[in-house]
Amino acid sequence: MKNSILLVPLLAMLIFNACADNDALNMDNWKKEIIKTENDFAELAQKEGIYKAFLTYAADDAVIMRNNELISGKDAIDAYFKEHVPAKDEKLSWKPDHVSVSKSGDLGYTFGSYTFSYTDEEGETIERKGIFHTVWKKQAAGTWKFVWD
């Protein structure tokens, strides 16, 4: 009987530790998925342009803010980019410095630095640097799409 009394707490501790280890592993994997998605997003922007990258990685209910205006929904984002045709040499590059993910693994966010550059009408290169913040949502298919940028 005495052994049984000691065995119950021991089993409970083992189960708890196994679950905690599994949670940490899941968190690490989800963070890696989000970082990879963010890096793939940035790479696509470099290779095929800002417009293509944003449409590829936007969730259907994504929201972006441009010129202090909220643009809601993938269709509205598409229309915005069609209306605001980027310059041929417009470049946007960024790198996430931080990633965090919810315990449930369905939401995450990244932030880091970005550089946006283009050539103005006088031929001068304009460069703007800043901080980005992106909120990611895991989709039903298991992929990550941004819901806020």
C-alpha atoms as a PDB file:
ATOM      1  CA  MET A   1       0.000   0.000   0.000  1.00  0.00           C
ATOM      2  CA  LYS A   2       2.826   2.363   0.895  1.00  0.00           C
ATOM      3  CA  ASN A   3       4.424   1.757  -2.514  1.00  0.00           C
ATOM      4  CA  SER A   4       1.119   2.557  -4.230  1.00  0.00           C
ATOM      5  CA  ILE A   5       0.892   5.877  -2.392  1.00  0.00           C
ATOM      6  CA  LEU A   6       4.373   6.823  -3.605  1.00  0.00           C
ATOM      7  CA  LEU A   7       3.718   5.571  -7.114  1.00  0.00           C
ATOM      8  CA  VAL A   8       0.722   7.848  -7.805  1.00  0.00           C
ATOM      9  CA  PRO A   9       2.602  11.167  -7.314  1.00  0.00           C
ATOM     10  CA  LEU A  10       5.573   9.795  -9.246  1.00  0.00           C
ATOM     11  CA  LEU A  11       3.366   8.855 -12.210  1.00  0.00           C
ATOM     12  CA  ALA A  12       1.652  12.237 -12.064  1.00  0.00           C
ATOM     13  CA  MET A  13       5.041  13.996 -12.179  1.00  0.00           C
ATOM     14  CA  LEU A  14       6.188  11.888 -15.124  1.00  0.00           C
ATOM     15  CA  ILE A  15       3.008  12.619 -17.076  1.00  0.00           C
ATOM     16  CA  PHE A  16       3.213  16.344 -16.268  1.00  0.00           C
ATOM     17  CA  ASN A  17       6.873  16.521 -17.355  1.00  0.00           C
ATOM     18  CA  ALA A  18       6.135  14.637 -20.578  1.00  0.00           C
ATOM     19  CA  CYS A  19       3.318  17.074 -21.385  1.00  0.00           C
ATOM     20  CA  ALA A  20       5.494  20.090 -20.535  1.00  0.00           C
ATOM     21  CA  ASP A  21       8.304  18.798 -22.767  1.00  0.00           C
ATOM     22  CA  ASN A  22       5.804  18.216 -25.583  1.00  0.00           C
ATOM     23  CA  ASP A  23       4.437  21.774 -25.190  1.00  0.00           C
ATOM     24  CA  ALA A  24       7.956  23.227 -25.392  1.00  0.00           C
ATOM     25  CA  LEU A  25       8.698  21.141 -28.485  1.00  0.00           C
ATOM     26  CA  ASN A  26       5.454  22.290 -30.125  1.00  0.00           C
ATOM     27  CA  MET A  27       6.253  25.936 -29.313  1.00  0.00           C
ATOM     28  CA  ASP A  28       9.730  25.616 -30.833  1.00  0.00           C
ATOM     29  CA  ASN A  29       8.331  23.960 -33.960  1.00  0.00           C
ATOM     30  CA  TRP A  30       5.602  26.594 -34.369  1.00  0.00           C
ATOM     31  CA  LYS A  31       8.161  29.394 -33.958  1.00  0.00           C
ATOM     32  CA  LYS A  32      10.366  27.781 -36.616  1.00  0.00           C
ATOM     33  CA  GLU A  33       7.373  27.503 -38.968  1.00  0.00           C
ATOM     34  CA  ILE A  34       6.517  31.186 -38.504  1.00  0.00           C
ATOM     35  CA  ILE A  35      10.134  32.326 -38.986  1.00  0.00           C
ATOM     36  CA  LYS A  36      10.411  30.217 -42.148  1.00  0.00           C
ATOM     37  CA  THR A  37       7.142  31.664 -43.445  1.00  0.00           C
ATOM     38  CA  GLU A  38       8.299  35.227 -42.670  1.00  0.00           C
ATOM     39  CA  ASN A  39      11.633  34.615 -44.427  1.00  0.00           C
ATOM     40  CA  ASP A  40       9.901  33.024 -47.443  1.00  0.00           C
ATOM     41  CA  PHE A  41       7.564  36.048 -47.571  1.00  0.00           C
ATOM     42  CA  ALA A  42      10.551  38.445 -47.578  1.00  0.00           C
ATOM     43  CA  GLU A  43      12.366  36.374 -50.207  1.00  0.00           C
ATOM     44  CA  LEU A  44       9.321  36.371 -52.494  1.00  0.00           C
ATOM     45  CA  ALA A  45       9.101  40.169 -52.154  1.00  0.00           C
ATOM     46  CA  GLN A  46      12.716  40.417 -53.348  1.00  0.00           C
ATOM     47  CA  LYS A  47      12.353  37.948 -56.214  1.00  0.00           C
ATOM     48  CA  GLU A  48       8.853  38.633 -57.542  1.00  0.00           C
ATOM     49  CA  GLY A  49       7.856  41.949 -56.025  1.00  0.00           C
ATOM     50  CA  ILE A  50       5.987  43.368 -53.075  1.00  0.00           C
ATOM     51  CA  TYR A  51       2.523  42.963 -54.631  1.00  0.00           C
ATOM     52  CA  LYS A  52       2.918  39.235 -55.327  1.00  0.00           C
ATOM     53  CA  ALA A  53       4.419  38.565 -51.897  1.00  0.00           C
ATOM     54  CA  PHE A  54       1.649  40.344 -50.007  1.00  0.00           C
ATOM     55  CA  LEU A  55      -1.119  38.595 -51.923  1.00  0.00           C
ATOM     56  CA  THR A  56       0.543  35.211 -51.528  1.00  0.00           C
ATOM     57  CA  TYR A  57       0.928  35.471 -47.750  1.00  0.00           C
ATOM     58  CA  ALA A  58      -2.252  37.405 -46.848  1.00  0.00           C
ATOM     59  CA  ALA A  59      -5.107  35.541 -45.167  1.00  0.00           C
ATOM     60  CA  ASP A  60      -8.553  36.204 -46.624  1.00  0.00           C
ATOM     61  CA  ASP A  61      -9.335  38.425 -43.620  1.00  0.00           C
ATOM     62  CA  ALA A  62      -5.935  40.168 -43.516  1.00  0.00           C
ATOM     63  CA  VAL A  63      -5.634  43.849 -42.647  1.00  0.00           C
ATOM     64  CA  ILE A  64      -2.788  46.151 -43.634  1.00  0.00           C
ATOM     65  CA  MET A  65      -2.265  49.783 -42.751  1.00  0.00           C
ATOM     66  CA  ARG A  66      -0.989  52.136 -45.420  1.00  0.00           C
ATOM     67  CA  ASN A  67      -0.872  55.926 -45.131  1.00  0.00           C
ATOM     68  CA  ASN A  68      -2.744  55.742 -41.823  1.00  0.00           C
ATOM     69  CA  GLU A  69      -5.617  53.879 -43.499  1.00  0.00           C
ATOM     70  CA  LEU A  70      -6.769  50.329 -42.764  1.00  0.00           C
ATOM     71  CA  ILE A  71      -7.249  48.083 -45.776  1.00  0.00           C
ATOM     72  CA  SER A  72      -9.323  45.054 -44.778  1.00  0.00           C
ATOM     73  CA  GLY A  73      -9.548  41.770 -46.649  1.00  0.00           C
ATOM     74  CA  LYS A  74      -7.413  40.143 -49.313  1.00  0.00           C
ATOM     75  CA  ASP A  75      -9.578  41.545 -52.132  1.00  0.00           C
ATOM     76  CA  ALA A  76      -9.139  45.092 -50.784  1.00  0.00           C
ATOM     77  CA  ILE A  77      -5.381  44.525 -50.452  1.00  0.00           C
ATOM     78  CA  ASP A  78      -5.299  43.342 -54.073  1.00  0.00           C
ATOM     79  CA  ALA A  79      -7.203  46.466 -55.169  1.00  0.00           C
ATOM     80  CA  TYR A  80      -4.878  48.706 -53.123  1.00  0.00           C
ATOM     81  CA  PHE A  81      -1.748  47.297 -54.774  1.00  0.00           C
ATOM     82  CA  LYS A  82      -3.316  47.553 -58.239  1.00  0.00           C
ATOM     83  CA  GLU A  83      -4.181  51.208 -57.575  1.00  0.00           C
ATOM     84  CA  HIS A  84      -0.782  52.041 -56.068  1.00  0.00           C
ATOM     85  CA  VAL A  85       1.465  50.554 -58.716  1.00  0.00           C
ATOM     86  CA  PRO A  86       4.977  50.329 -57.294  1.00  0.00           C
ATOM     87  CA  ALA A  87       7.994  51.807 -59.062  1.00  0.00           C
ATOM     88  CA  LYS A  88       9.968  49.266 -61.079  1.00  0.00           C
ATOM     89  CA  ASP A  89      12.919  49.451 -58.725  1.00  0.00           C
ATOM     90  CA  GLU A  90      10.916  49.471 -55.490  1.00  0.00           C
ATOM     91  CA  LYS A  91      12.504  47.089 -52.997  1.00  0.00           C
ATOM     92  CA  LEU A  92      11.333  45.966 -49.590  1.00  0.00           C
ATOM     93  CA  SER A  93      13.514  43.814 -47.393  1.00  0.00           C
ATOM     94  CA  TRP A  94      13.054  42.755 -43.806  1.00  0.00           C
ATOM     95  CA  LYS A  95      14.210  40.271 -41.237  1.00  0.00           C
ATOM     96  CA  PRO A  96      12.375  39.099 -38.138  1.00  0.00           C
ATOM     97  CA  ASP A  97      14.223  39.731 -34.882  1.00  0.00           C
ATOM     98  CA  HIS A  98      11.574  38.200 -32.635  1.00  0.00           C
ATOM     99  CA  VAL A  99       8.852  35.572 -32.882  1.00  0.00           C
ATOM    100  CA  SER A 100       6.236  34.555 -30.361  1.00  0.00           C
ATOM    101  CA  VAL A 101       3.402  32.053 -30.633  1.00  0.00           C
ATOM    102  CA  SER A 102       0.260  31.354 -28.623  1.00  0.00           C
ATOM    103  CA  LYS A 103       0.113  28.256 -26.439  1.00  0.00           C
ATOM    104  CA  SER A 104      -2.592  26.871 -28.716  1.00  0.00           C
ATOM    105  CA  GLY A 105      -0.288  27.268 -31.728  1.00  0.00           C
ATOM    106  CA  ASP A 106      -2.833  29.049 -33.910  1.00  0.00           C
ATOM    107  CA  LEU A 107      -1.585  32.663 -33.631  1.00  0.00           C
ATOM    108  CA  GLY A 108       1.869  34.167 -33.622  1.00  0.00           C
ATOM    109  CA  TYR A 109       3.635  37.416 -34.273  1.00  0.00           C
ATOM    110  CA  THR A 110       6.968  38.649 -35.525  1.00  0.00           C
ATOM    111  CA  PHE A 111       8.726  41.976 -35.515  1.00  0.00           C
ATOM    112  CA  GLY A 112      12.015  43.275 -36.787  1.00  0.00           C
ATOM    113  CA  SER A 113      13.586  45.866 -39.035  1.00  0.00           C
ATOM    114  CA  TYR A 114      12.770  46.666 -42.647  1.00  0.00           C
ATOM    115  CA  THR A 115      14.262  48.744 -45.450  1.00  0.00           C
ATOM    116  CA  PHE A 116      12.136  50.188 -48.256  1.00  0.00           C
ATOM    117  CA  SER A 117      13.879  51.857 -51.201  1.00  0.00           C
ATOM    118  CA  TYR A 118      12.979  53.302 -54.581  1.00  0.00           C
ATOM    119  CA  THR A 119      14.173  55.892 -57.078  1.00  0.00           C
ATOM    120  CA  ASP A 120      12.244  59.164 -57.154  1.00  0.00           C
ATOM    121  CA  GLU A 121      11.399  61.269 -60.237  1.00  0.00           C
ATOM    122  CA  GLU A 122      14.755  63.093 -60.036  1.00  0.00           C
ATOM    123  CA  GLY A 123      16.674  59.816 -60.065  1.00  0.00           C
ATOM    124  CA  GLU A 124      17.591  59.971 -56.389  1.00  0.00           C
ATOM    125  CA  THR A 125      17.443  56.785 -54.350  1.00  0.00           C
ATOM    126  CA  ILE A 126      15.119  57.165 -51.392  1.00  0.00           C
ATOM    127  CA  GLU A 127      15.536  54.755 -48.511  1.00  0.00           C
ATOM    128  CA  ARG A 128      13.252  54.371 -45.517  1.00  0.00           C
ATOM    129  CA  LYS A 129      13.986  52.178 -42.542  1.00  0.00           C
ATOM    130  CA  GLY A 130      11.650  51.151 -39.789  1.00  0.00           C
ATOM    131  CA  ILE A 131      10.185  48.421 -37.646  1.00  0.00           C
ATOM    132  CA  PHE A 132       7.556  45.978 -38.869  1.00  0.00           C
ATOM    133  CA  HIS A 133       5.070  43.934 -36.868  1.00  0.00           C
ATOM    134  CA  THR A 134       3.201  41.018 -38.430  1.00  0.00           C
ATOM    135  CA  VAL A 135       0.507  38.855 -36.855  1.00  0.00           C
ATOM    136  CA  TRP A 136       0.272  35.322 -38.235  1.00  0.00           C
ATOM    137  CA  LYS A 137      -2.672  32.911 -38.104  1.00  0.00           C
ATOM    138  CA  LYS A 138      -2.419  29.193 -38.782  1.00  0.00           C
ATOM    139  CA  GLN A 139      -4.780  28.185 -41.565  1.00  0.00           C
ATOM    140  CA  ALA A 140      -6.898  25.023 -41.743  1.00  0.00           C
ATOM    141  CA  ALA A 141      -4.364  23.505 -44.162  1.00  0.00           C
ATOM    142  CA  GLY A 142      -1.585  24.019 -41.595  1.00  0.00           C
ATOM    143  CA  THR A 143       0.091  26.935 -43.372  1.00  0.00           C
ATOM    144  CA  TRP A 144       0.633  30.370 -41.833  1.00  0.00           C
ATOM    145  CA  LYS A 145      -0.857  33.537 -43.362  1.00  0.00           C
ATOM    146  CA  PHE A 146      -0.647  37.056 -42.027  1.00  0.00           C
ATOM    147  CA  VAL A 147      -3.772  38.717 -40.625  1.00  0.00           C
ATOM    148  CA  TRP A 148      -2.075  42.028 -39.750  1.00  0.00           C
ATOM    149  CA  ASP A 149       0.842  43.850 -41.294  1.00  0.00           C
END
